[in-house]
Amino acid sequence: MRSIATVAACAAIAVVSLPFVAVAQTTSQTTTTQNDAQTMWEKVKGSWSQTKGAVKEQWGELTDDDLLAIEGRRDQLVGKIQTRYGISREAAEAQVGAWEKGRLKNM
């Protein structure tokens, strides 16, 4: 009888703590992804003259002056895309996010 109570108590603890474990894993994955993106953007800034071609290929509406102003800064890229394409900030963020994922796979 005592072993059944022990098993029940362990099961209750496991059920209660499960959401906390899931949140910790999600937070860890998000943090890792953010760190990867930050590292990538540091590399982009360092090699902006080479990266400009890939950006121009992806977003052909951006002018050479836009690319000079961006200088490898993500927030500037999002803003220029938003302006040139007449889309919402969220849509521009989504486009840059998708581009980042493709770049991260290639790094």
N, C-alpha and C. Protein backbone atom coordinates (compact mmCIF):
# COMPACT_ATOMS: atom_id res chain seq x y z
N MET A 1 0.82 -1.19 0.00
CA MET A 1 0.00 0.00 0.00
C MET A 1 0.86 1.25 0.00
N ARG A 2 1.95 1.18 0.74
CA ARG A 2 2.84 2.34 0.83
C ARG A 2 3.51 2.61 -0.52
N SER A 3 3.84 1.56 -1.25
CA SER A 3 4.48 1.74 -2.55
C SER A 3 3.54 2.39 -3.55
N ILE A 4 2.25 2.11 -3.47
CA ILE A 4 1.26 2.73 -4.35
C ILE A 4 1.18 4.22 -4.06
N ALA A 5 1.21 4.58 -2.80
CA ALA A 5 1.18 5.99 -2.42
C ALA A 5 2.43 6.71 -2.92
N THR A 6 3.57 6.05 -2.85
CA THR A 6 4.82 6.64 -3.32
C THR A 6 4.77 6.85 -4.83
N VAL A 7 4.28 5.86 -5.56
CA VAL A 7 4.16 5.97 -7.02
C VAL A 7 3.19 7.10 -7.37
N ALA A 8 2.08 7.19 -6.66
CA ALA A 8 1.09 8.25 -6.92
C ALA A 8 1.70 9.62 -6.67
N ALA A 9 2.48 9.75 -5.60
CA ALA A 9 3.11 11.03 -5.29
C ALA A 9 4.12 11.41 -6.37
N CYS A 10 4.90 10.45 -6.83
CA CYS A 10 5.88 10.71 -7.89
C CYS A 10 5.18 11.12 -9.18
N ALA A 11 4.09 10.45 -9.49
CA ALA A 11 3.34 10.79 -10.70
C ALA A 11 2.77 12.20 -10.60
N ALA A 12 2.28 12.57 -9.44
CA ALA A 12 1.73 13.92 -9.25
C ALA A 12 2.82 14.96 -9.42
N ILE A 13 3.99 14.71 -8.88
CA ILE A 13 5.11 15.65 -9.02
C ILE A 13 5.52 15.77 -10.48
N ALA A 14 5.56 14.65 -11.18
CA ALA A 14 5.95 14.67 -12.59
C ALA A 14 4.95 15.46 -13.42
N VAL A 15 3.66 15.29 -13.16
CA VAL A 15 2.63 15.99 -13.92
C VAL A 15 2.69 17.49 -13.64
N VAL A 16 2.93 17.86 -12.40
CA VAL A 16 2.98 19.28 -12.03
C VAL A 16 4.22 19.95 -12.61
N SER A 17 5.35 19.26 -12.64
CA SER A 17 6.59 19.87 -13.10
C SER A 17 6.76 19.85 -14.61
N LEU A 18 5.98 19.07 -15.32
CA LEU A 18 6.12 18.95 -16.77
C LEU A 18 6.02 20.28 -17.50
N PRO A 19 5.05 21.14 -17.21
CA PRO A 19 5.00 22.43 -17.91
C PRO A 19 6.26 23.27 -17.69
N PHE A 20 6.84 23.18 -16.50
CA PHE A 20 8.04 23.96 -16.22
C PHE A 20 9.22 23.46 -17.05
N VAL A 21 9.32 22.18 -17.24
CA VAL A 21 10.38 21.60 -18.05
C VAL A 21 10.20 22.02 -19.50
N ALA A 22 8.97 21.98 -19.99
CA ALA A 22 8.69 22.36 -21.38
C ALA A 22 9.04 23.83 -21.61
N VAL A 23 8.70 24.70 -20.67
CA VAL A 23 9.01 26.11 -20.80
C VAL A 23 10.51 26.32 -20.79
N ALA A 24 11.22 25.62 -19.93
CA ALA A 24 12.68 25.75 -19.86
C ALA A 24 13.32 25.32 -21.17
N GLN A 25 12.83 24.25 -21.78
CA GLN A 25 13.39 23.79 -23.05
C GLN A 25 13.10 24.78 -24.16
N THR A 26 11.89 25.32 -24.21
CA THR A 26 11.53 26.29 -25.23
C THR A 26 12.36 27.56 -25.08
N THR A 27 12.52 28.02 -23.85
CA THR A 27 13.32 29.21 -23.59
C THR A 27 14.76 28.99 -24.01
N SER A 28 15.29 27.81 -23.73
CA SER A 28 16.66 27.49 -24.10
C SER A 28 16.82 27.49 -25.61
N GLN A 29 15.86 26.91 -26.33
CA GLN A 29 15.92 26.87 -27.78
C GLN A 29 15.82 28.28 -28.36
N THR A 30 14.94 29.10 -27.81
CA THR A 30 14.78 30.47 -28.27
C THR A 30 16.05 31.26 -28.05
N THR A 31 16.65 31.09 -26.87
CA THR A 31 17.89 31.80 -26.56
C THR A 31 19.00 31.37 -27.50
N THR A 32 19.10 30.08 -27.78
CA THR A 32 20.12 29.59 -28.70
C THR A 32 19.90 30.17 -30.09
N THR A 33 18.67 30.20 -30.56
CA THR A 33 18.37 30.75 -31.87
C THR A 33 18.71 32.23 -31.92
N GLN A 34 18.39 32.96 -30.86
CA GLN A 34 18.71 34.38 -30.80
C GLN A 34 20.22 34.59 -30.81
N ASN A 35 20.95 33.77 -30.06
CA ASN A 35 22.41 33.88 -30.05
C ASN A 35 22.99 33.58 -31.42
N ASP A 36 22.44 32.56 -32.10
CA ASP A 36 22.90 32.23 -33.45
C ASP A 36 22.66 33.41 -34.40
N ALA A 37 21.49 34.02 -34.29
CA ALA A 37 21.16 35.16 -35.15
C ALA A 37 22.07 36.35 -34.85
N GLN A 38 22.35 36.59 -33.57
CA GLN A 38 23.24 37.69 -33.21
C GLN A 38 24.64 37.44 -33.76
N THR A 39 25.12 36.23 -33.64
CA THR A 39 26.44 35.88 -34.16
C THR A 39 26.46 36.05 -35.67
N MET A 40 25.39 35.61 -36.33
CA MET A 40 25.32 35.75 -37.77
C MET A 40 25.38 37.22 -38.17
N TRP A 41 24.64 38.08 -37.47
CA TRP A 41 24.62 39.50 -37.82
C TRP A 41 25.95 40.17 -37.53
N GLU A 42 26.69 39.69 -36.56
CA GLU A 42 28.04 40.21 -36.34
C GLU A 42 28.92 39.87 -37.55
N LYS A 43 28.76 38.66 -38.07
CA LYS A 43 29.50 38.27 -39.27
C LYS A 43 29.05 39.07 -40.48
N VAL A 44 27.73 39.31 -40.57
CA VAL A 44 27.19 40.09 -41.69
C VAL A 44 27.79 41.49 -41.67
N LYS A 45 27.84 42.11 -40.51
CA LYS A 45 28.41 43.46 -40.40
C LYS A 45 29.87 43.45 -40.84
N GLY A 46 30.61 42.43 -40.42
CA GLY A 46 32.02 42.34 -40.76
C GLY A 46 32.28 42.12 -42.23
N SER A 47 31.34 41.47 -42.90
CA SER A 47 31.53 41.18 -44.32
C SER A 47 30.40 41.80 -45.15
N TRP A 48 30.00 43.01 -44.79
CA TRP A 48 28.84 43.63 -45.42
C TRP A 48 29.03 43.80 -46.93
N SER A 49 30.24 44.12 -47.36
CA SER A 49 30.44 44.31 -48.80
C SER A 49 30.15 43.03 -49.58
N GLN A 50 30.44 41.86 -49.00
CA GLN A 50 30.12 40.59 -49.66
C GLN A 50 28.63 40.24 -49.50
N THR A 51 28.07 40.60 -48.36
CA THR A 51 26.69 40.24 -48.06
C THR A 51 25.69 41.10 -48.84
N LYS A 52 26.10 42.32 -49.21
CA LYS A 52 25.19 43.21 -49.94
C LYS A 52 24.63 42.55 -51.19
N GLY A 53 25.44 41.75 -51.86
CA GLY A 53 24.97 41.07 -53.06
C GLY A 53 23.83 40.12 -52.77
N ALA A 54 23.95 39.36 -51.68
CA ALA A 54 22.88 38.42 -51.31
C ALA A 54 21.62 39.17 -50.91
N VAL A 55 21.79 40.29 -50.22
CA VAL A 55 20.63 41.10 -49.81
C VAL A 55 19.95 41.69 -51.05
N LYS A 56 20.77 42.21 -51.96
CA LYS A 56 20.22 42.81 -53.18
C LYS A 56 19.51 41.74 -54.03
N GLU A 57 20.05 40.53 -54.03
CA GLU A 57 19.43 39.43 -54.76
C GLU A 57 18.07 39.07 -54.17
N GLN A 58 17.99 39.09 -52.85
CA GLN A 58 16.74 38.75 -52.16
C GLN A 58 15.71 39.88 -52.28
N TRP A 59 16.17 41.12 -52.11
CA TRP A 59 15.28 42.28 -52.13
C TRP A 59 15.78 43.27 -53.18
N GLY A 60 15.44 43.01 -54.43
CA GLY A 60 15.92 43.81 -55.55
C GLY A 60 15.47 45.26 -55.55
N GLU A 61 14.44 45.58 -54.80
CA GLU A 61 13.94 46.95 -54.75
C GLU A 61 14.86 47.86 -53.92
N LEU A 62 15.74 47.27 -53.13
CA LEU A 62 16.65 48.09 -52.32
C LEU A 62 17.70 48.72 -53.23
N THR A 63 17.94 50.01 -53.02
CA THR A 63 18.92 50.73 -53.84
C THR A 63 20.32 50.60 -53.22
N ASP A 64 21.30 51.03 -54.00
CA ASP A 64 22.67 51.04 -53.47
C ASP A 64 22.78 51.98 -52.27
N ASP A 65 22.06 53.09 -52.32
CA ASP A 65 22.05 54.01 -51.17
C ASP A 65 21.44 53.34 -49.94
N ASP A 66 20.38 52.55 -50.15
CA ASP A 66 19.77 51.81 -49.04
C ASP A 66 20.81 50.87 -48.41
N LEU A 67 21.53 50.15 -49.27
CA LEU A 67 22.52 49.20 -48.78
C LEU A 67 23.65 49.90 -48.04
N LEU A 68 24.03 51.08 -48.49
CA LEU A 68 25.05 51.86 -47.76
C LEU A 68 24.53 52.27 -46.39
N ALA A 69 23.27 52.67 -46.33
CA ALA A 69 22.68 53.11 -45.05
C ALA A 69 22.51 51.93 -44.09
N ILE A 70 22.22 50.77 -44.59
CA ILE A 70 21.97 49.60 -43.74
C ILE A 70 23.24 49.18 -43.01
N GLU A 71 24.35 49.13 -43.71
CA GLU A 71 25.66 48.79 -43.13
C GLU A 71 25.64 47.53 -42.27
N GLY A 72 24.87 46.54 -42.65
CA GLY A 72 24.85 45.28 -41.92
C GLY A 72 24.02 45.28 -40.66
N ARG A 73 23.19 46.27 -40.46
CA ARG A 73 22.34 46.34 -39.26
C ARG A 73 20.95 45.79 -39.57
N ARG A 74 20.55 44.81 -38.81
CA ARG A 74 19.29 44.11 -39.05
C ARG A 74 18.10 45.06 -39.00
N ASP A 75 18.04 45.91 -37.98
CA ASP A 75 16.89 46.80 -37.82
C ASP A 75 16.78 47.76 -39.00
N GLN A 76 17.91 48.21 -39.54
CA GLN A 76 17.90 49.07 -40.71
C GLN A 76 17.39 48.31 -41.94
N LEU A 77 17.81 47.07 -42.08
CA LEU A 77 17.36 46.24 -43.20
C LEU A 77 15.84 46.07 -43.15
N VAL A 78 15.33 45.74 -41.99
CA VAL A 78 13.87 45.56 -41.83
C VAL A 78 13.15 46.85 -42.21
N GLY A 79 13.65 47.99 -41.72
CA GLY A 79 13.01 49.27 -42.02
C GLY A 79 13.02 49.61 -43.50
N LYS A 80 14.14 49.35 -44.16
CA LYS A 80 14.23 49.65 -45.60
C LYS A 80 13.32 48.73 -46.41
N ILE A 81 13.24 47.48 -46.02
CA ILE A 81 12.33 46.55 -46.71
C ILE A 81 10.89 47.01 -46.53
N GLN A 82 10.56 47.39 -45.32
CA GLN A 82 9.21 47.87 -45.03
C GLN A 82 8.87 49.07 -45.91
N THR A 83 9.81 50.01 -46.02
CA THR A 83 9.57 51.22 -46.80
C THR A 83 9.50 50.93 -48.29
N ARG A 84 10.48 50.21 -48.82
CA ARG A 84 10.55 49.96 -50.26
C ARG A 84 9.39 49.11 -50.77
N TYR A 85 8.97 48.15 -49.98
CA TYR A 85 7.93 47.23 -50.44
C TYR A 85 6.54 47.60 -49.94
N GLY A 86 6.46 48.62 -49.08
CA GLY A 86 5.16 49.07 -48.58
C GLY A 86 4.44 48.00 -47.78
N ILE A 87 5.19 47.29 -46.93
CA ILE A 87 4.60 46.22 -46.13
C ILE A 87 4.72 46.58 -44.65
N SER A 88 4.04 45.82 -43.82
CA SER A 88 4.08 46.07 -42.38
C SER A 88 5.44 45.68 -41.81
N ARG A 89 5.73 46.20 -40.65
CA ARG A 89 6.99 45.86 -39.98
C ARG A 89 7.04 44.36 -39.70
N GLU A 90 5.90 43.78 -39.32
CA GLU A 90 5.84 42.35 -39.02
C GLU A 90 6.16 41.52 -40.26
N ALA A 91 5.64 41.95 -41.42
CA ALA A 91 5.91 41.22 -42.66
C ALA A 91 7.39 41.33 -43.03
N ALA A 92 7.97 42.51 -42.84
CA ALA A 92 9.39 42.69 -43.13
C ALA A 92 10.24 41.85 -42.17
N GLU A 93 9.84 41.82 -40.90
CA GLU A 93 10.54 40.99 -39.90
C GLU A 93 10.49 39.53 -40.31
N ALA A 94 9.33 39.08 -40.77
CA ALA A 94 9.16 37.68 -41.18
C ALA A 94 10.06 37.36 -42.37
N GLN A 95 10.15 38.27 -43.33
CA GLN A 95 11.02 38.04 -44.48
C GLN A 95 12.48 37.95 -44.07
N VAL A 96 12.91 38.87 -43.21
CA VAL A 96 14.30 38.85 -42.76
C VAL A 96 14.56 37.60 -41.92
N GLY A 97 13.59 37.22 -41.10
CA GLY A 97 13.73 36.00 -40.30
C GLY A 97 13.91 34.76 -41.17
N ALA A 98 13.14 34.67 -42.24
CA ALA A 98 13.27 33.53 -43.16
C ALA A 98 14.62 33.55 -43.85
N TRP A 99 15.07 34.75 -44.23
CA TRP A 99 16.39 34.89 -44.86
C TRP A 99 17.50 34.49 -43.89
N GLU A 100 17.34 34.89 -42.64
CA GLU A 100 18.32 34.52 -41.60
C GLU A 100 18.42 33.00 -41.47
N LYS A 101 17.29 32.35 -41.42
CA LYS A 101 17.29 30.88 -41.27
C LYS A 101 18.05 30.22 -42.41
N GLY A 102 17.84 30.71 -43.61
CA GLY A 102 18.57 30.18 -44.76
C GLY A 102 20.06 30.44 -44.64
N ARG A 103 20.43 31.61 -44.16
CA ARG A 103 21.85 31.97 -43.99
C ARG A 103 22.48 31.14 -42.88
N LEU A 104 21.74 30.91 -41.79
CA LEU A 104 22.28 30.13 -40.66
C LEU A 104 22.57 28.70 -41.09
N LYS A 105 21.73 28.15 -41.95
CA LYS A 105 21.97 26.78 -42.43
C LYS A 105 23.24 26.71 -43.25
N ASN A 106 23.55 27.78 -43.96
CA ASN A 106 24.74 27.80 -44.83
C ASN A 106 26.02 28.16 -44.09
N MET A 107 25.91 28.57 -42.84
CA MET A 107 27.10 28.97 -42.08
C MET A 107 27.71 27.80 -41.34
